[in-house]
Amino acid sequence: MQIALYGLAYWPELQPTRLPENTYRELQLLARQYYQMTSLLIKAKVDFNAICDQVLPGMQELMNDHAGRHKLSDFVLRYRHTTHILEMGETRFRKDYCKWAEKKGYRNRERMAALIFATAQNGIPVLPNAPSTQIVITEAIRVLHTVEASRDAILTQMQALAKTLPEYSLVREMPCIGDTLAPRLIAEIGDVRRFHSKRALIAYAGIDAPPYQSGKFSANNRHISKRGNRYLRKTGYEVMQSYVMHKPANDPIFTFIEKKRSEGKSGKLAMVAGLNKFLRVYYGKVTELYRSLPQ
């Protein structure tokens, strides 16, 4: 009833709203699940690392899991405990590790085997080499791999959907935006045509500074409003981190970030300013693209 009364009172001033197409709605649904799975994956990694430190101390410093590779977790599954490595003896362990590493496609096998055995000799495990410990380790790795596979499957579907949209290739060609960031960015912004201006998109992201006035007082130093889409702010911040990491030459957005830093702004404030400029560029390019398409 309140919405209806508001509509009746302000009907002449209300602007027509473009409902999102199914592709954008599906993308946003998948993006929400992607963030959820990412959160679960971080927790699973923390749990696994904590257990790893208690059964194979020092091994995390020697090897790390990378995208699509599970060297550390595969190693823990095979060798389980510091005691197990030491009971094998150095000669037998080196041969066994080199054979296993060659099968898995890992490099520096001889040198790594020596480092692992030396680390095992100096390590003091907290948990015993017992069946209960092995169950905990196995289940922690299973959860880690399962959640990672679920997140990757969601991302793959997001990429497939995003590629059907006209703006995907344009967004993908923007500096520092890869196959992971592009679908997530499109999912959070949605159909850019529903925003009447660049300022509306920036307000939707919640990085606009709201007016602050009281009588004759007017504040000059204000924080961002944070009233908009927090997922878009998070994704946008990752985009800015990508800019700072890759440092694209002669790029106006990276140049703008560096300019703000040279003016004494903190890294976070400089990246928020860069995100503001990035969204303006995004809005202009994608809007121009849709205007050029036949209706």
C-alpha atoms as a PDB file:
ATOM      1  CA  MET A   1       0.000   0.000   0.000  1.00  0.00           C
ATOM      2  CA  GLN A   2       2.850   2.371   0.787  1.00  0.00           C
ATOM      3  CA  ILE A   3       4.429   1.702  -2.608  1.00  0.00           C
ATOM      4  CA  ALA A   4       1.076   2.283  -4.329  1.00  0.00           C
ATOM      5  CA  LEU A   5       0.527   5.579  -2.488  1.00  0.00           C
ATOM      6  CA  TYR A   6       4.037   6.699  -3.378  1.00  0.00           C
ATOM      7  CA  GLY A   7       3.426   5.812  -7.027  1.00  0.00           C
ATOM      8  CA  LEU A   8       0.166   7.777  -7.096  1.00  0.00           C
ATOM      9  CA  ALA A   9       1.802  10.813  -5.474  1.00  0.00           C
ATOM     10  CA  TYR A  10       4.919  10.936  -7.666  1.00  0.00           C
ATOM     11  CA  TRP A  11       3.716   9.241 -10.871  1.00  0.00           C
ATOM     12  CA  PRO A  12       4.608  12.154 -13.220  1.00  0.00           C
ATOM     13  CA  GLU A  13       8.188  12.212 -11.857  1.00  0.00           C
ATOM     14  CA  LEU A  14       8.890   8.482 -11.967  1.00  0.00           C
ATOM     15  CA  GLN A  15      11.140   7.148 -14.713  1.00  0.00           C
ATOM     16  CA  PRO A  16      10.363   3.911 -16.583  1.00  0.00           C
ATOM     17  CA  THR A  17      12.484   0.970 -15.436  1.00  0.00           C
ATOM     18  CA  ARG A  18      14.090  -1.582 -17.741  1.00  0.00           C
ATOM     19  CA  LEU A  19      13.682  -5.048 -16.272  1.00  0.00           C
ATOM     20  CA  PRO A  20      16.834  -7.181 -16.592  1.00  0.00           C
ATOM     21  CA  GLU A  21      16.848  -9.832 -19.279  1.00  0.00           C
ATOM     22  CA  ASN A  22      17.070 -13.476 -18.256  1.00  0.00           C
ATOM     23  CA  THR A  23      20.786 -13.656 -19.095  1.00  0.00           C
ATOM     24  CA  TYR A  24      21.637 -10.839 -16.689  1.00  0.00           C
ATOM     25  CA  ARG A  25      19.431 -12.355 -13.994  1.00  0.00           C
ATOM     26  CA  GLU A  26      21.080 -15.751 -14.412  1.00  0.00           C
ATOM     27  CA  LEU A  27      24.513 -14.141 -14.311  1.00  0.00           C
ATOM     28  CA  GLN A  28      23.741 -12.332 -11.077  1.00  0.00           C
ATOM     29  CA  LEU A  29      22.343 -15.516  -9.508  1.00  0.00           C
ATOM     30  CA  LEU A  30      25.511 -17.399 -10.454  1.00  0.00           C
ATOM     31  CA  ALA A  31      27.692 -14.529  -9.234  1.00  0.00           C
ATOM     32  CA  ARG A  32      26.085 -14.684  -5.794  1.00  0.00           C
ATOM     33  CA  GLN A  33      26.811 -18.407  -5.634  1.00  0.00           C
ATOM     34  CA  TYR A  34      30.356 -17.764  -6.868  1.00  0.00           C
ATOM     35  CA  TYR A  35      30.993 -15.413  -3.930  1.00  0.00           C
ATOM     36  CA  GLN A  36      29.454 -17.930  -1.548  1.00  0.00           C
ATOM     37  CA  MET A  37      31.673 -20.727  -2.879  1.00  0.00           C
ATOM     38  CA  THR A  38      34.723 -18.463  -2.734  1.00  0.00           C
ATOM     39  CA  SER A  39      33.998 -17.765   0.923  1.00  0.00           C
ATOM     40  CA  LEU A  40      33.647 -21.498   1.627  1.00  0.00           C
ATOM     41  CA  LEU A  41      36.848 -22.194  -0.335  1.00  0.00           C
ATOM     42  CA  ILE A  42      38.825 -19.704   1.757  1.00  0.00           C
ATOM     43  CA  LYS A  43      37.571 -21.366   4.943  1.00  0.00           C
ATOM     44  CA  ALA A  44      38.385 -24.825   3.572  1.00  0.00           C
ATOM     45  CA  LYS A  45      41.931 -23.686   2.711  1.00  0.00           C
ATOM     46  CA  VAL A  46      42.423 -22.224   6.182  1.00  0.00           C
ATOM     47  CA  ASP A  47      41.244 -25.471   7.796  1.00  0.00           C
ATOM     48  CA  PHE A  48      43.458 -27.593   5.551  1.00  0.00           C
ATOM     49  CA  ASN A  49      46.521 -25.394   6.144  1.00  0.00           C
ATOM     50  CA  ALA A  50      45.986 -25.581   9.908  1.00  0.00           C
ATOM     51  CA  ILE A  51      45.888 -29.393   9.795  1.00  0.00           C
ATOM     52  CA  CYS A  52      48.861 -29.525   7.429  1.00  0.00           C
ATOM     53  CA  ASP A  53      50.945 -27.484   9.887  1.00  0.00           C
ATOM     54  CA  GLN A  54      50.151 -30.013  12.603  1.00  0.00           C
ATOM     55  CA  VAL A  55      51.097 -33.162  10.676  1.00  0.00           C
ATOM     56  CA  LEU A  56      53.702 -31.909   8.175  1.00  0.00           C
ATOM     57  CA  PRO A  57      55.136 -28.685   9.621  1.00  0.00           C
ATOM     58  CA  GLY A  58      57.126 -26.550   7.196  1.00  0.00           C
ATOM     59  CA  MET A  59      55.784 -28.172   4.022  1.00  0.00           C
ATOM     60  CA  GLN A  60      53.583 -25.196   3.105  1.00  0.00           C
ATOM     61  CA  GLU A  61      56.696 -23.054   2.697  1.00  0.00           C
ATOM     62  CA  LEU A  62      58.106 -25.559   0.188  1.00  0.00           C
ATOM     63  CA  MET A  63      55.061 -26.071  -2.021  1.00  0.00           C
ATOM     64  CA  ASN A  64      51.777 -24.302  -2.663  1.00  0.00           C
ATOM     65  CA  ASP A  65      48.617 -25.129  -4.540  1.00  0.00           C
ATOM     66  CA  HIS A  66      47.969 -23.085  -7.681  1.00  0.00           C
ATOM     67  CA  ALA A  67      44.954 -22.780  -9.963  1.00  0.00           C
ATOM     68  CA  GLY A  68      44.258 -26.211 -11.367  1.00  0.00           C
ATOM     69  CA  ARG A  69      47.181 -27.743  -9.408  1.00  0.00           C
ATOM     70  CA  HIS A  70      47.026 -29.402  -6.002  1.00  0.00           C
ATOM     71  CA  LYS A  71      50.652 -30.137  -5.221  1.00  0.00           C
ATOM     72  CA  LEU A  72      50.470 -29.585  -1.478  1.00  0.00           C
ATOM     73  CA  SER A  73      47.209 -31.452  -0.941  1.00  0.00           C
ATOM     74  CA  ASP A  74      48.324 -34.312  -3.220  1.00  0.00           C
ATOM     75  CA  PHE A  75      51.579 -34.520  -1.286  1.00  0.00           C
ATOM     76  CA  VAL A  76      49.748 -34.642   2.058  1.00  0.00           C
ATOM     77  CA  LEU A  77      47.439 -37.375   0.774  1.00  0.00           C
ATOM     78  CA  ARG A  78      50.398 -39.520  -0.239  1.00  0.00           C
ATOM     79  CA  TYR A  79      52.858 -38.959   2.641  1.00  0.00           C
ATOM     80  CA  ARG A  80      50.352 -38.115   5.407  1.00  0.00           C
ATOM     81  CA  HIS A  81      52.721 -37.423   8.302  1.00  0.00           C
ATOM     82  CA  THR A  82      56.303 -36.403   9.139  1.00  0.00           C
ATOM     83  CA  THR A  83      56.785 -39.745  10.906  1.00  0.00           C
ATOM     84  CA  HIS A  84      55.848 -41.615   7.721  1.00  0.00           C
ATOM     85  CA  ILE A  85      58.528 -39.761   5.729  1.00  0.00           C
ATOM     86  CA  LEU A  86      61.246 -40.373   8.323  1.00  0.00           C
ATOM     87  CA  GLU A  87      60.371 -44.067   8.630  1.00  0.00           C
ATOM     88  CA  MET A  88      60.961 -44.473   4.885  1.00  0.00           C
ATOM     89  CA  GLY A  89      64.529 -43.234   5.186  1.00  0.00           C
ATOM     90  CA  GLU A  90      66.158 -40.612   2.985  1.00  0.00           C
ATOM     91  CA  THR A  91      67.188 -42.868   0.074  1.00  0.00           C
ATOM     92  CA  ARG A  92      63.844 -44.615  -0.230  1.00  0.00           C
ATOM     93  CA  PHE A  93      61.908 -41.371   0.198  1.00  0.00           C
ATOM     94  CA  ARG A  94      63.904 -39.590  -2.513  1.00  0.00           C
ATOM     95  CA  LYS A  95      63.268 -42.377  -5.016  1.00  0.00           C
ATOM     96  CA  ASP A  96      59.596 -42.581  -4.116  1.00  0.00           C
ATOM     97  CA  TYR A  97      59.089 -38.809  -4.246  1.00  0.00           C
ATOM     98  CA  CYS A  98      60.887 -38.415  -7.592  1.00  0.00           C
ATOM     99  CA  LYS A  99      58.772 -41.173  -9.123  1.00  0.00           C
ATOM    100  CA  TRP A 100      55.566 -39.613  -7.759  1.00  0.00           C
ATOM    101  CA  ALA A 101      56.549 -36.063  -8.809  1.00  0.00           C
ATOM    102  CA  GLU A 102      57.440 -37.219 -12.333  1.00  0.00           C
ATOM    103  CA  LYS A 103      54.054 -38.895 -12.681  1.00  0.00           C
ATOM    104  CA  LYS A 104      52.318 -35.701 -11.482  1.00  0.00           C
ATOM    105  CA  GLY A 105      54.429 -33.443 -13.725  1.00  0.00           C
ATOM    106  CA  TYR A 106      56.224 -31.499 -10.973  1.00  0.00           C
ATOM    107  CA  ARG A 107      59.714 -30.105 -11.576  1.00  0.00           C
ATOM    108  CA  ASN A 108      62.907 -29.854  -9.458  1.00  0.00           C
ATOM    109  CA  ARG A 109      62.281 -33.347  -8.112  1.00  0.00           C
ATOM    110  CA  GLU A 110      65.738 -34.194  -6.726  1.00  0.00           C
ATOM    111  CA  ARG A 111      66.260 -30.825  -5.046  1.00  0.00           C
ATOM    112  CA  MET A 112      62.724 -30.782  -3.636  1.00  0.00           C
ATOM    113  CA  ALA A 113      63.052 -34.304  -2.244  1.00  0.00           C
ATOM    114  CA  ALA A 114      66.160 -33.291  -0.326  1.00  0.00           C
ATOM    115  CA  LEU A 115      64.472 -30.155   1.036  1.00  0.00           C
ATOM    116  CA  ILE A 116      61.371 -32.091   2.105  1.00  0.00           C
ATOM    117  CA  PHE A 117      63.354 -34.736   3.988  1.00  0.00           C
ATOM    118  CA  ALA A 118      65.464 -32.094   5.737  1.00  0.00           C
ATOM    119  CA  THR A 119      62.301 -30.215   6.725  1.00  0.00           C
ATOM    120  CA  ALA A 120      60.757 -33.434   8.044  1.00  0.00           C
ATOM    121  CA  GLN A 121      63.847 -34.053  10.190  1.00  0.00           C
ATOM    122  CA  ASN A 122      63.557 -30.584  11.759  1.00  0.00           C
ATOM    123  CA  GLY A 123      59.746 -30.558  12.053  1.00  0.00           C
ATOM    124  CA  ILE A 124      57.818 -31.398  15.198  1.00  0.00           C
ATOM    125  CA  PRO A 125      54.277 -32.606  14.410  1.00  0.00           C
ATOM    126  CA  VAL A 126      51.517 -31.844  16.895  1.00  0.00           C
ATOM    127  CA  LEU A 127      48.994 -34.508  15.886  1.00  0.00           C
ATOM    128  CA  PRO A 128      49.882 -38.211  16.124  1.00  0.00           C
ATOM    129  CA  ASN A 129      50.211 -40.488  13.119  1.00  0.00           C
ATOM    130  CA  ALA A 130      46.906 -42.200  13.931  1.00  0.00           C
ATOM    131  CA  PRO A 131      43.870 -43.375  11.881  1.00  0.00           C
ATOM    132  CA  SER A 132      41.744 -40.507  13.249  1.00  0.00           C
ATOM    133  CA  THR A 133      44.304 -37.981  12.045  1.00  0.00           C
ATOM    134  CA  GLN A 134      44.300 -39.529   8.584  1.00  0.00           C
ATOM    135  CA  ILE A 135      40.496 -39.334   8.383  1.00  0.00           C
ATOM    136  CA  VAL A 136      40.588 -35.645   9.319  1.00  0.00           C
ATOM    137  CA  ILE A 137      43.261 -34.937   6.691  1.00  0.00           C
ATOM    138  CA  THR A 138      41.461 -36.891   3.959  1.00  0.00           C
ATOM    139  CA  GLU A 139      38.117 -35.196   4.628  1.00  0.00           C
ATOM    140  CA  ALA A 140      39.672 -31.719   4.757  1.00  0.00           C
ATOM    141  CA  ILE A 141      41.255 -32.287   1.328  1.00  0.00           C
ATOM    142  CA  ARG A 142      38.034 -33.760  -0.066  1.00  0.00           C
ATOM    143  CA  VAL A 143      36.054 -30.693   1.049  1.00  0.00           C
ATOM    144  CA  LEU A 144      38.707 -28.376  -0.371  1.00  0.00           C
ATOM    145  CA  HIS A 145      38.687 -30.038  -3.797  1.00  0.00           C
ATOM    146  CA  THR A 146      34.875 -30.349  -3.896  1.00  0.00           C
ATOM    147  CA  VAL A 147      34.258 -26.677  -3.116  1.00  0.00           C
ATOM    148  CA  GLU A 148      36.914 -25.589  -5.604  1.00  0.00           C
ATOM    149  CA  ALA A 149      35.336 -27.759  -8.330  1.00  0.00           C
ATOM    150  CA  SER A 150      31.895 -26.276  -7.564  1.00  0.00           C
ATOM    151  CA  ARG A 151      33.219 -22.731  -7.770  1.00  0.00           C
ATOM    152  CA  ASP A 152      34.994 -23.464 -11.058  1.00  0.00           C
ATOM    153  CA  ALA A 153      31.814 -25.005 -12.526  1.00  0.00           C
ATOM    154  CA  ILE A 154      29.835 -21.875 -11.606  1.00  0.00           C
ATOM    155  CA  LEU A 155      32.496 -19.637 -13.138  1.00  0.00           C
ATOM    156  CA  THR A 156      32.506 -21.697 -16.348  1.00  0.00           C
ATOM    157  CA  GLN A 157      28.741 -21.262 -16.693  1.00  0.00           C
ATOM    158  CA  MET A 158      29.082 -17.521 -16.003  1.00  0.00           C
ATOM    159  CA  GLN A 159      31.669 -17.238 -18.776  1.00  0.00           C
ATOM    160  CA  ALA A 160      29.431 -19.126 -21.213  1.00  0.00           C
ATOM    161  CA  LEU A 161      26.465 -16.844 -20.458  1.00  0.00           C
ATOM    162  CA  ALA A 162      28.506 -13.647 -20.542  1.00  0.00           C
ATOM    163  CA  LYS A 163      29.892 -14.501 -23.994  1.00  0.00           C
ATOM    164  CA  THR A 164      26.358 -14.365 -25.405  1.00  0.00           C
ATOM    165  CA  LEU A 165      26.056 -10.660 -24.475  1.00  0.00           C
ATOM    166  CA  PRO A 166      27.142  -7.932 -26.928  1.00  0.00           C
ATOM    167  CA  GLU A 167      29.347  -6.145 -24.377  1.00  0.00           C
ATOM    168  CA  TYR A 168      31.420  -9.174 -23.356  1.00  0.00           C
ATOM    169  CA  SER A 169      34.106  -8.804 -26.034  1.00  0.00           C
ATOM    170  CA  LEU A 170      34.282  -5.057 -25.356  1.00  0.00           C
ATOM    171  CA  VAL A 171      34.690  -5.563 -21.605  1.00  0.00           C
ATOM    172  CA  ARG A 172      37.183  -8.361 -22.159  1.00  0.00           C
ATOM    173  CA  GLU A 173      39.337  -6.064 -24.285  1.00  0.00           C
ATOM    174  CA  MET A 174      39.600  -3.487 -21.488  1.00  0.00           C
ATOM    175  CA  PRO A 175      43.036  -3.560 -19.807  1.00  0.00           C
ATOM    176  CA  CYS A 176      43.558  -5.862 -16.814  1.00  0.00           C
ATOM    177  CA  ILE A 177      40.163  -7.607 -17.119  1.00  0.00           C
ATOM    178  CA  GLY A 178      40.493 -11.326 -17.738  1.00  0.00           C
ATOM    179  CA  ASP A 179      38.170 -14.278 -18.145  1.00  0.00           C
ATOM    180  CA  THR A 180      37.327 -14.326 -14.431  1.00  0.00           C
ATOM    181  CA  LEU A 181      36.693 -10.632 -13.799  1.00  0.00           C
ATOM    182  CA  ALA A 182      34.766  -9.929 -17.016  1.00  0.00           C
ATOM    183  CA  PRO A 183      31.683 -12.128 -16.336  1.00  0.00           C
ATOM    184  CA  ARG A 184      31.623 -11.100 -12.675  1.00  0.00           C
ATOM    185  CA  LEU A 185      31.714  -7.425 -13.591  1.00  0.00           C
ATOM    186  CA  ILE A 186      28.920  -7.780 -16.154  1.00  0.00           C
ATOM    187  CA  ALA A 187      26.873  -9.830 -13.674  1.00  0.00           C
ATOM    188  CA  GLU A 188      26.989  -7.075 -11.049  1.00  0.00           C
ATOM    189  CA  ILE A 189      26.419  -4.122 -13.383  1.00  0.00           C
ATOM    190  CA  GLY A 190      23.767  -5.891 -15.420  1.00  0.00           C
ATOM    191  CA  ASP A 191      22.174  -4.154 -18.381  1.00  0.00           C
ATOM    192  CA  VAL A 192      23.885  -0.767 -18.466  1.00  0.00           C
ATOM    193  CA  ARG A 193      20.958   0.724 -20.385  1.00  0.00           C
ATOM    194  CA  ARG A 194      18.872   0.763 -17.211  1.00  0.00           C
ATOM    195  CA  PHE A 195      21.064   3.569 -15.824  1.00  0.00           C
ATOM    196  CA  HIS A 196      20.113   7.016 -17.077  1.00  0.00           C
ATOM    197  CA  SER A 197      23.637   8.393 -16.602  1.00  0.00           C
ATOM    198  CA  LYS A 198      27.171   7.616 -15.443  1.00  0.00           C
ATOM    199  CA  ARG A 199      26.351   9.101 -12.056  1.00  0.00           C
ATOM    200  CA  ALA A 200      23.502   6.617 -11.642  1.00  0.00           C
ATOM    201  CA  LEU A 201      25.897   3.693 -12.209  1.00  0.00           C
ATOM    202  CA  ILE A 202      28.378   5.156  -9.721  1.00  0.00           C
ATOM    203  CA  ALA A 203      25.583   5.625  -7.180  1.00  0.00           C
ATOM    204  CA  TYR A 204      24.507   2.014  -7.774  1.00  0.00           C
ATOM    205  CA  ALA A 205      28.047   0.938  -6.899  1.00  0.00           C
ATOM    206  CA  GLY A 206      27.842   3.019  -3.725  1.00  0.00           C
ATOM    207  CA  ILE A 207      31.069   4.941  -4.323  1.00  0.00           C
ATOM    208  CA  ASP A 208      29.432   8.350  -4.668  1.00  0.00           C
ATOM    209  CA  ALA A 209      29.874  10.907  -1.895  1.00  0.00           C
ATOM    210  CA  PRO A 210      26.444  11.922  -0.569  1.00  0.00           C
ATOM    211  CA  PRO A 211      25.736  15.600   0.127  1.00  0.00           C
ATOM    212  CA  TYR A 212      26.231  16.618   3.743  1.00  0.00           C
ATOM    213  CA  GLN A 213      24.748  19.952   4.710  1.00  0.00           C
ATOM    214  CA  SER A 214      23.247  21.348   7.906  1.00  0.00           C
ATOM    215  CA  GLY A 215      22.206  24.959   7.841  1.00  0.00           C
ATOM    216  CA  LYS A 216      25.183  26.971   6.635  1.00  0.00           C
ATOM    217  CA  PHE A 217      27.595  24.071   7.232  1.00  0.00           C
ATOM    218  CA  SER A 218      28.699  22.043   4.228  1.00  0.00           C
ATOM    219  CA  ALA A 219      31.237  19.205   4.584  1.00  0.00           C
ATOM    220  CA  ASN A 220      34.032  18.999   2.034  1.00  0.00           C
ATOM    221  CA  ASN A 221      35.618  15.711   3.123  1.00  0.00           C
ATOM    222  CA  ARG A 222      33.052  12.900   2.872  1.00  0.00           C
ATOM    223  CA  HIS A 223      33.226   9.123   2.695  1.00  0.00           C
ATOM    224  CA  ILE A 224      31.609   7.060  -0.042  1.00  0.00           C
ATOM    225  CA  SER A 225      27.941   6.311   0.558  1.00  0.00           C
ATOM    226  CA  LYS A 226      28.160   2.469   0.431  1.00  0.00           C
ATOM    227  CA  ARG A 227      24.432   2.479  -0.316  1.00  0.00           C
ATOM    228  CA  GLY A 228      24.666   0.477  -3.522  1.00  0.00           C
ATOM    229  CA  ASN A 229      25.717  -2.991  -4.636  1.00  0.00           C
ATOM    230  CA  ARG A 230      28.469  -4.197  -2.292  1.00  0.00           C
ATOM    231  CA  TYR A 231      29.313  -7.059  -4.655  1.00  0.00           C
ATOM    232  CA  LEU A 232      29.971  -4.550  -7.421  1.00  0.00           C
ATOM    233  CA  ARG A 233      32.254  -2.583  -5.088  1.00  0.00           C
ATOM    234  CA  LYS A 234      34.128  -5.774  -4.222  1.00  0.00           C
ATOM    235  CA  THR A 235      34.521  -6.775  -7.874  1.00  0.00           C
ATOM    236  CA  GLY A 236      35.482  -3.226  -8.827  1.00  0.00           C
ATOM    237  CA  TYR A 237      38.133  -3.162  -6.135  1.00  0.00           C
ATOM    238  CA  GLU A 238      39.595  -6.382  -7.548  1.00  0.00           C
ATOM    239  CA  VAL A 239      39.666  -4.729 -10.976  1.00  0.00           C
ATOM    240  CA  MET A 240      41.626  -1.819  -9.488  1.00  0.00           C
ATOM    241  CA  GLN A 241      44.034  -4.253  -7.803  1.00  0.00           C
ATOM    242  CA  SER A 242      44.585  -5.816 -11.218  1.00  0.00           C
ATOM    243  CA  TYR A 243      45.388  -2.374 -12.649  1.00  0.00           C
ATOM    244  CA  VAL A 244      47.886  -1.669  -9.871  1.00  0.00           C
ATOM    245  CA  MET A 245      49.521  -5.085 -10.298  1.00  0.00           C
ATOM    246  CA  HIS A 246      49.846  -5.030 -14.106  1.00  0.00           C
ATOM    247  CA  LYS A 247      50.514  -1.274 -14.478  1.00  0.00           C
ATOM    248  CA  PRO A 248      49.233  -0.895 -18.084  1.00  0.00           C
ATOM    249  CA  ALA A 249      51.292   1.733 -19.893  1.00  0.00           C
ATOM    250  CA  ASN A 250      49.531   4.890 -21.080  1.00  0.00           C
ATOM    251  CA  ASP A 251      46.202   3.728 -19.662  1.00  0.00           C
ATOM    252  CA  PRO A 252      44.074   6.662 -18.442  1.00  0.00           C
ATOM    253  CA  ILE A 253      42.657   4.778 -15.440  1.00  0.00           C
ATOM    254  CA  PHE A 254      46.043   3.604 -14.140  1.00  0.00           C
ATOM    255  CA  THR A 255      47.473   7.084 -14.807  1.00  0.00           C
ATOM    256  CA  PHE A 256      44.605   8.563 -12.794  1.00  0.00           C
ATOM    257  CA  ILE A 257      45.320   6.202  -9.870  1.00  0.00           C
ATOM    258  CA  GLU A 258      48.993   7.174  -9.923  1.00  0.00           C
ATOM    259  CA  LYS A 259      48.057  10.855 -10.050  1.00  0.00           C
ATOM    260  CA  LYS A 260      45.893  10.499  -6.938  1.00  0.00           C
ATOM    261  CA  ARG A 261      48.720   8.719  -5.158  1.00  0.00           C
ATOM    262  CA  SER A 262      51.151  11.493  -6.076  1.00  0.00           C
ATOM    263  CA  GLU A 263      48.680  13.981  -4.553  1.00  0.00           C
ATOM    264  CA  GLY A 264      49.052  12.224  -1.213  1.00  0.00           C
ATOM    265  CA  LYS A 265      45.971  10.008  -1.333  1.00  0.00           C
ATOM    266  CA  SER A 266      46.207   6.600   0.329  1.00  0.00           C
ATOM    267  CA  GLY A 267      46.243   3.495  -1.849  1.00  0.00           C
ATOM    268  CA  LYS A 268      42.629   2.675  -0.997  1.00  0.00           C
ATOM    269  CA  LEU A 269      41.350   6.193  -1.743  1.00  0.00           C
ATOM    270  CA  ALA A 270      43.302   6.251  -5.005  1.00  0.00           C
ATOM    271  CA  MET A 271      41.733   2.958  -6.081  1.00  0.00           C
ATOM    272  CA  VAL A 272      38.221   4.165  -5.190  1.00  0.00           C
ATOM    273  CA  ALA A 273      38.844   7.227  -7.350  1.00  0.00           C
ATOM    274  CA  GLY A 274      40.149   4.951 -10.102  1.00  0.00           C
ATOM    275  CA  LEU A 275      37.036   2.770  -9.834  1.00  0.00           C
ATOM    276  CA  ASN A 276      34.875   5.875 -10.190  1.00  0.00           C
ATOM    277  CA  LYS A 277      36.677   6.733 -13.424  1.00  0.00           C
ATOM    278  CA  PHE A 278      36.584   3.110 -14.598  1.00  0.00           C
ATOM    279  CA  LEU A 279      32.786   2.924 -14.219  1.00  0.00           C
ATOM    280  CA  ARG A 280      32.421   6.140 -16.202  1.00  0.00           C
ATOM    281  CA  VAL A 281      34.540   4.671 -19.000  1.00  0.00           C
ATOM    282  CA  TYR A 282      32.613   1.386 -18.816  1.00  0.00           C
ATOM    283  CA  TYR A 283      29.268   3.176 -19.037  1.00  0.00           C
ATOM    284  CA  GLY A 284      30.383   5.287 -21.983  1.00  0.00           C
ATOM    285  CA  LYS A 285      31.803   2.392 -24.003  1.00  0.00           C
ATOM    286  CA  VAL A 286      28.982  -0.081 -23.411  1.00  0.00           C
ATOM    287  CA  THR A 287      26.264   2.543 -23.954  1.00  0.00           C
ATOM    288  CA  GLU A 288      27.874   3.578 -27.233  1.00  0.00           C
ATOM    289  CA  LEU A 289      28.034  -0.077 -28.269  1.00  0.00           C
ATOM    290  CA  TYR A 290      24.312  -0.605 -27.687  1.00  0.00           C
ATOM    291  CA  ARG A 291      23.467   2.599 -29.543  1.00  0.00           C
ATOM    292  CA  SER A 292      25.392   1.325 -32.568  1.00  0.00           C
ATOM    293  CA  LEU A 293      23.467  -1.963 -32.614  1.00  0.00           C
ATOM    294  CA  PRO A 294      20.318  -2.240 -34.748  1.00  0.00           C
ATOM    295  CA  GLN A 295      17.150  -1.932 -32.691  1.00  0.00           C
END
